[in-house]
Amino acid sequence: MSEAIARPDTSEIEAEINQWALETTEDRLVKRMNSTMDEINSFHYAMLPKLPAIIEYLNQFKLSDLTGEDLKLSRAALAMCEVDNAVYKWKAPVLGTGIDLLRMVKKTGFSDRTIL
C-alpha cells in the first residue's frame, strides 16, 4: 500500500475556496454567471498552481468518503471546471448564446430520456 499523501496547504487561498466551493453544479454555475471576470480570474489564478497537488491528494479517497474540508476542497476543484471556459475561451462569465442555462434539464445518467 502506498503512503498517504498529505493535504496541500491552501491557507493563502482559503477565501477563494470558501466563496467557490458550492455544493451543486447549479450553485457553481450561478456563482460564475453572477461574478465579474476579475472575480473569476482571481479564483482561477489563485487555485491553478495548487490544483495538481489538490487533485493528487483527493484522488486517494473515494468521492463518497469526502467530508468537511476535503469535501469543500473537492468542490473548489470542480469550480475550476466551471470557470475554465469563461477564463480561456469566452473571456466573459457567460457565453451569449441566448440559452437560459438554468432551464436546461440535468442528466442523471447515460440513458435518462425516454426513447420515442
Protein backbone atom coordinates (compact mmCIF):
# COMPACT_ATOMS: atom_id res chain seq x y z
CA MET A 1 0.00 0.00 0.00
CA SER A 2 1.35 3.42 -0.89
CA GLU A 3 1.97 6.14 1.63
CA ALA A 4 -0.83 8.64 2.26
CA ILE A 5 -0.46 11.99 0.54
CA ALA A 6 -0.60 14.99 2.87
CA ARG A 7 -3.28 17.62 2.35
CA PRO A 8 -1.76 20.56 0.47
CA ASP A 9 -1.50 23.89 2.27
CA THR A 10 -4.32 26.05 0.93
CA SER A 11 -4.35 28.63 3.70
CA GLU A 12 -3.46 31.53 1.39
CA ILE A 13 -6.40 30.75 -0.93
CA GLU A 14 -8.94 29.82 1.74
CA ALA A 15 -11.09 32.89 0.99
CA GLU A 16 -11.41 31.87 -2.68
CA ILE A 17 -12.13 28.26 -1.73
CA ASN A 18 -14.86 29.36 0.68
CA GLN A 19 -16.52 31.51 -1.99
CA TRP A 20 -16.44 28.96 -4.81
CA ALA A 21 -16.76 25.55 -3.07
CA LEU A 22 -20.50 25.38 -3.58
CA GLU A 23 -22.49 22.18 -3.16
CA THR A 24 -24.07 21.72 -6.57
CA THR A 25 -23.18 22.24 -10.20
CA GLU A 26 -26.11 24.63 -10.44
CA ASP A 27 -24.84 26.69 -7.49
CA ARG A 28 -21.39 26.91 -9.08
CA LEU A 29 -22.94 27.85 -12.42
CA VAL A 30 -24.96 30.66 -10.85
CA LYS A 31 -21.83 31.84 -9.00
CA ARG A 32 -19.92 32.05 -12.29
CA MET A 33 -22.80 33.75 -14.10
CA ASN A 34 -23.14 36.39 -11.37
CA SER A 35 -19.41 37.04 -10.97
CA THR A 36 -17.24 39.57 -12.74
CA MET A 37 -14.29 38.40 -14.82
CA ASP A 38 -12.00 39.92 -12.19
CA GLU A 39 -13.59 37.67 -9.54
CA ILE A 40 -13.45 34.62 -11.79
CA ASN A 41 -9.82 35.26 -12.74
CA SER A 42 -8.88 35.87 -9.12
CA PHE A 43 -10.27 32.47 -8.12
CA HIS A 44 -8.86 30.68 -11.16
CA TYR A 45 -5.32 32.01 -10.91
CA ALA A 46 -5.22 31.51 -7.13
CA MET A 47 -6.26 27.85 -7.48
CA LEU A 48 -4.30 26.99 -10.61
CA PRO A 49 -0.85 26.42 -9.06
CA LYS A 50 -2.38 24.35 -6.25
CA LEU A 51 -4.68 22.25 -8.44
CA PRO A 52 -2.29 19.37 -9.28
CA ALA A 53 -1.48 18.83 -5.59
CA ILE A 54 -5.16 19.14 -4.65
CA ILE A 55 -6.19 16.54 -7.24
CA GLU A 56 -3.37 14.18 -6.25
CA TYR A 57 -4.43 14.48 -2.61
CA LEU A 58 -8.14 13.99 -3.29
CA ASN A 59 -7.57 11.03 -5.62
CA GLN A 60 -6.56 8.86 -2.68
CA PHE A 61 -10.15 8.95 -1.37
CA LYS A 62 -13.47 7.68 -2.64
CA LEU A 63 -15.71 10.59 -3.54
CA SER A 64 -18.40 9.23 -1.24
CA ASP A 65 -15.95 9.30 1.69
CA LEU A 66 -15.11 13.01 1.42
CA THR A 67 -16.32 15.17 4.31
CA GLY A 68 -15.62 18.56 5.86
CA GLU A 69 -12.62 20.43 4.50
CA ASP A 70 -11.79 17.72 1.96
CA LEU A 71 -15.30 17.87 0.51
CA LYS A 72 -15.02 21.66 0.32
CA LEU A 73 -11.66 21.32 -1.43
CA SER A 74 -13.18 18.90 -3.97
CA ARG A 75 -15.99 21.35 -4.69
CA ALA A 76 -13.48 24.15 -5.26
CA ALA A 77 -11.64 21.87 -7.70
CA LEU A 78 -14.94 21.27 -9.51
CA ALA A 79 -15.49 25.02 -9.64
CA MET A 80 -12.27 25.25 -11.65
CA CYS A 81 -14.06 23.22 -14.34
CA GLU A 82 -17.00 25.62 -14.15
CA VAL A 83 -14.82 28.69 -14.81
CA ASP A 84 -12.42 27.20 -17.37
CA ASN A 85 -14.33 28.26 -20.49
CA ALA A 86 -15.00 31.70 -19.04
CA VAL A 87 -11.27 32.23 -18.48
CA TYR A 88 -9.76 30.63 -21.57
CA LYS A 89 -12.44 30.73 -24.29
CA TRP A 90 -15.15 33.27 -23.72
CA LYS A 91 -13.30 35.90 -21.68
CA ALA A 92 -16.72 36.52 -20.11
CA PRO A 93 -18.75 34.89 -17.31
CA VAL A 94 -21.39 33.65 -19.77
CA LEU A 95 -21.33 32.76 -23.44
CA GLY A 96 -24.00 34.89 -25.08
CA THR A 97 -25.88 32.07 -26.84
CA GLY A 98 -29.35 33.18 -25.87
CA ILE A 99 -29.92 29.91 -23.99
CA ASP A 100 -31.01 30.21 -20.37
CA LEU A 101 -28.59 27.74 -18.80
CA LEU A 102 -30.68 27.43 -15.67
CA ARG A 103 -33.58 25.95 -17.69
CA MET A 104 -31.52 23.07 -19.05
CA VAL A 105 -32.53 19.63 -17.79
CA LYS A 106 -29.85 17.96 -15.71
CA LYS A 107 -28.89 14.48 -16.92
CA THR A 108 -28.94 11.82 -14.24
CA GLY A 109 -27.48 9.02 -16.33
CA PHE A 110 -26.43 7.98 -19.82
CA SER A 111 -29.90 6.88 -20.89
CA ASP A 112 -32.14 9.11 -18.82
CA ARG A 113 -34.55 10.00 -21.62
CA THR A 114 -37.49 8.05 -22.95
CA ILE A 115 -36.92 6.86 -26.49
CA LEU A 116 -39.77 7.96 -28.75
